[in-house]
Amino acid sequence: MRRAAFLGALVAVLAVCAVVLVVVLTEPPWFERLRYPLRYAEYVRVHAHENGLDPALLAAVIYQESKFDAGAESRSGAIGLMQLTPATAHGIAVRTGGARFRTADLLNPEINIRYGAWYLANLFHKYGNERLVLAAYNAGQGNVDRWRAEGKSISFPETRAYVARVEHLKHVYHDAWHL
């Protein structure tokens, strides 16, 4: 009796493990949607379209920066979904006609995504290359400009990892969310 119960439990555990393994290895879209949420989808789509961006790229940056946590704040002072610094956001507000910018505006998902999308589009106008755009978003334009002037590729290991991760996430958001 005990042996039969043990074997039954073992078979059940092995079956569950097999199902989990298949799901993890095949990465079906429903599973990826659970792993990689898409909150504020309307804002992502609208602001990506308005700025000529791939919405999957915009979603990937948001996921990497904040995991879609609108209240995220970094030790360096970056705020919100797209982890914009108040100085960067103020500059975007001035350039886009926002005369009444307040730092608290960065906690508003729509404003944060609008500013972040504008900033990414601005980086695309400057660099014309997705890898350099992502490197500038992560490490700053000054670093990317210096690397280019010196004929170097992305010099910071953490920035190379960031670029690779966002590019992977872009494909995940394309496939799972049909962006």
Protein backbone atom coordinates (compact mmCIF):
# COMPACT_ATOMS: atom_id res chain seq x y z
CA MET A 1 0.00 0.00 0.00
CA ARG A 2 2.76 2.45 0.96
CA ARG A 3 4.78 1.49 -2.06
CA ALA A 4 1.82 2.08 -4.41
CA ALA A 5 1.18 5.51 -2.86
CA PHE A 6 4.84 6.39 -3.19
CA LEU A 7 4.94 5.30 -6.85
CA GLY A 8 1.72 7.23 -7.57
CA ALA A 9 3.18 10.37 -6.00
CA LEU A 10 6.45 9.89 -7.89
CA VAL A 11 4.61 9.53 -11.21
CA ALA A 12 2.57 12.67 -10.45
CA VAL A 13 5.70 14.67 -9.59
CA LEU A 14 7.48 13.47 -12.72
CA ALA A 15 4.46 14.36 -14.85
CA VAL A 16 4.35 17.87 -13.41
CA CYS A 17 8.09 18.27 -13.96
CA ALA A 18 7.72 17.11 -17.57
CA VAL A 19 4.94 19.63 -18.22
CA VAL A 20 6.95 22.45 -16.65
CA LEU A 21 10.02 21.48 -18.68
CA VAL A 22 8.05 21.46 -21.94
CA VAL A 23 6.51 24.85 -21.17
CA VAL A 24 9.84 26.42 -20.22
CA LEU A 25 11.66 24.99 -23.24
CA THR A 26 8.99 25.76 -25.85
CA GLU A 27 8.06 29.18 -24.45
CA PRO A 28 4.47 29.24 -25.72
CA PRO A 29 2.99 32.74 -26.12
CA TRP A 30 0.54 32.30 -23.23
CA PHE A 31 3.45 31.49 -20.92
CA GLU A 32 5.54 34.40 -22.18
CA ARG A 33 2.58 36.73 -21.56
CA LEU A 34 2.58 35.56 -17.94
CA ARG A 35 6.35 36.03 -17.60
CA TYR A 36 6.48 39.35 -19.45
CA PRO A 37 3.38 41.44 -18.78
CA LEU A 38 2.29 44.31 -21.00
CA ARG A 39 0.71 46.94 -18.82
CA TYR A 40 -0.34 50.29 -20.28
CA ALA A 41 -0.57 48.63 -23.72
CA GLU A 42 -2.61 51.48 -25.19
CA TYR A 43 -0.01 54.07 -24.18
CA VAL A 44 2.79 51.86 -25.51
CA ARG A 45 1.08 51.43 -28.88
CA VAL A 46 0.00 55.07 -29.25
CA HIS A 47 3.32 56.64 -28.27
CA ALA A 48 5.34 54.13 -30.26
CA HIS A 49 3.25 54.95 -33.33
CA GLU A 50 3.45 58.72 -32.75
CA ASN A 51 7.24 58.52 -32.52
CA GLY A 52 7.87 55.99 -35.29
CA LEU A 53 9.04 53.30 -32.87
CA ASP A 54 8.49 49.57 -32.78
CA PRO A 55 6.00 49.08 -29.91
CA ALA A 56 7.78 45.84 -28.98
CA LEU A 57 11.00 47.79 -28.48
CA LEU A 58 9.22 50.37 -26.33
CA ALA A 59 7.65 47.61 -24.22
CA ALA A 60 11.02 45.86 -23.92
CA VAL A 61 12.71 49.02 -22.63
CA ILE A 62 9.93 49.57 -20.10
CA TYR A 63 10.15 45.97 -18.90
CA GLN A 64 13.93 46.14 -18.57
CA GLU A 65 13.89 49.52 -16.85
CA SER A 66 11.03 49.02 -14.39
CA LYS A 67 9.20 45.72 -14.98
CA PHE A 68 6.16 47.96 -15.68
CA ASP A 69 6.25 49.43 -12.15
CA ALA A 70 5.02 53.02 -12.57
CA GLY A 71 6.37 53.94 -9.14
CA ALA A 72 9.89 52.62 -9.69
CA GLU A 73 12.71 54.88 -8.53
CA SER A 74 16.43 54.17 -8.88
CA ARG A 75 19.29 55.13 -6.63
CA SER A 76 20.47 57.48 -9.37
CA GLY A 77 17.17 59.39 -9.24
CA ALA A 78 15.52 57.95 -12.35
CA ILE A 79 11.75 57.68 -11.99
CA GLY A 80 8.85 55.73 -13.40
CA LEU A 81 8.25 53.15 -16.09
CA MET A 82 11.05 54.28 -18.38
CA GLN A 83 13.37 55.40 -15.58
CA LEU A 84 13.81 58.97 -16.76
CA THR A 85 15.80 61.42 -14.69
CA PRO A 86 14.01 64.65 -13.82
CA ALA A 87 16.61 66.64 -15.77
CA THR A 88 16.09 64.56 -18.92
CA ALA A 89 12.31 64.73 -18.55
CA HIS A 90 12.39 68.49 -18.02
CA GLY A 91 14.41 68.87 -21.23
CA ILE A 92 11.90 66.70 -23.10
CA ALA A 93 9.00 68.71 -21.67
CA VAL A 94 10.57 71.98 -22.84
CA ARG A 95 11.24 70.58 -26.34
CA THR A 96 7.72 69.17 -26.67
CA GLY A 97 5.81 72.21 -25.40
CA GLY A 98 5.31 71.15 -21.78
CA ALA A 99 5.88 74.35 -19.82
CA ARG A 100 4.55 73.10 -16.48
CA PHE A 101 6.66 69.98 -15.93
CA ARG A 102 6.94 68.70 -12.35
CA THR A 103 9.04 65.74 -11.24
CA ALA A 104 5.88 64.05 -9.93
CA ASP A 105 4.66 63.89 -13.55
CA LEU A 106 7.11 61.03 -14.09
CA LEU A 107 4.93 58.82 -11.90
CA ASN A 108 2.10 59.22 -14.42
CA PRO A 109 2.37 56.23 -16.79
CA GLU A 110 1.07 58.11 -19.83
CA ILE A 111 3.49 61.02 -19.40
CA ASN A 112 6.43 58.75 -18.60
CA ILE A 113 5.83 56.60 -21.67
CA ARG A 114 5.25 59.68 -23.87
CA TYR A 115 8.52 61.26 -22.75
CA GLY A 116 10.45 57.99 -22.93
CA ALA A 117 9.15 57.27 -26.44
CA TRP A 118 10.09 60.79 -27.56
CA TYR A 119 13.56 60.33 -26.08
CA LEU A 120 14.09 56.98 -27.82
CA ALA A 121 12.95 58.51 -31.13
CA ASN A 122 15.35 61.40 -30.58
CA LEU A 123 18.17 58.90 -29.99
CA PHE A 124 17.21 57.10 -33.22
CA HIS A 125 17.46 60.42 -35.10
CA LYS A 126 20.91 60.95 -33.64
CA TYR A 127 22.36 57.43 -33.94
CA GLY A 128 20.19 55.61 -36.49
CA ASN A 129 21.12 52.26 -34.99
CA GLU A 130 19.11 50.32 -32.41
CA ARG A 131 22.14 49.01 -30.52
CA LEU A 132 23.61 52.51 -30.18
CA VAL A 133 20.21 53.93 -29.20
CA LEU A 134 19.88 51.38 -26.42
CA ALA A 135 23.47 51.94 -25.32
CA ALA A 136 22.82 55.69 -25.12
CA TYR A 137 19.59 55.12 -23.21
CA ASN A 138 21.47 53.00 -20.69
CA ALA A 139 24.95 54.56 -20.48
CA GLY A 140 24.27 58.09 -21.70
CA GLN A 141 24.87 59.89 -24.96
CA GLY A 142 28.23 61.22 -23.84
CA ASN A 143 29.63 57.72 -23.42
CA VAL A 144 28.29 56.56 -26.78
CA ASP A 145 29.64 59.67 -28.51
CA ARG A 146 33.05 59.07 -26.95
CA TRP A 147 33.10 55.38 -27.96
CA ARG A 148 32.19 56.31 -31.52
CA ALA A 149 34.84 59.04 -31.67
CA GLU A 150 37.43 56.53 -30.46
CA GLY A 151 36.23 53.92 -32.97
CA LYS A 152 35.16 51.57 -30.18
CA SER A 153 32.08 49.45 -29.72
CA ILE A 154 30.04 49.51 -26.52
CA SER A 155 32.72 49.57 -23.84
CA PHE A 156 30.76 48.89 -20.66
CA PRO A 157 29.98 45.20 -20.06
CA GLU A 158 26.77 46.11 -18.23
CA THR A 159 25.64 48.20 -21.20
CA ARG A 160 26.40 45.38 -23.65
CA ALA A 161 24.30 43.09 -21.42
CA TYR A 162 21.51 45.70 -21.28
CA VAL A 163 21.42 46.01 -25.08
CA ALA A 164 21.34 42.23 -25.55
CA ARG A 165 18.60 41.84 -22.93
CA VAL A 166 16.38 44.56 -24.44
CA GLU A 167 16.84 43.12 -27.93
CA HIS A 168 15.81 39.69 -26.60
CA LEU A 169 12.80 41.20 -24.84
CA LYS A 170 11.81 42.99 -28.04
CA HIS A 171 11.45 39.59 -29.74
CA VAL A 172 9.52 38.24 -26.76
CA TYR A 173 7.06 41.16 -26.92
CA HIS A 174 6.72 40.75 -30.70
CA ASP A 175 5.90 37.07 -30.41
CA ALA A 176 3.89 36.97 -27.18
CA TRP A 177 1.92 40.18 -27.56
CA HIS A 178 1.92 40.57 -31.36
CA LEU A 179 3.35 44.07 -31.15
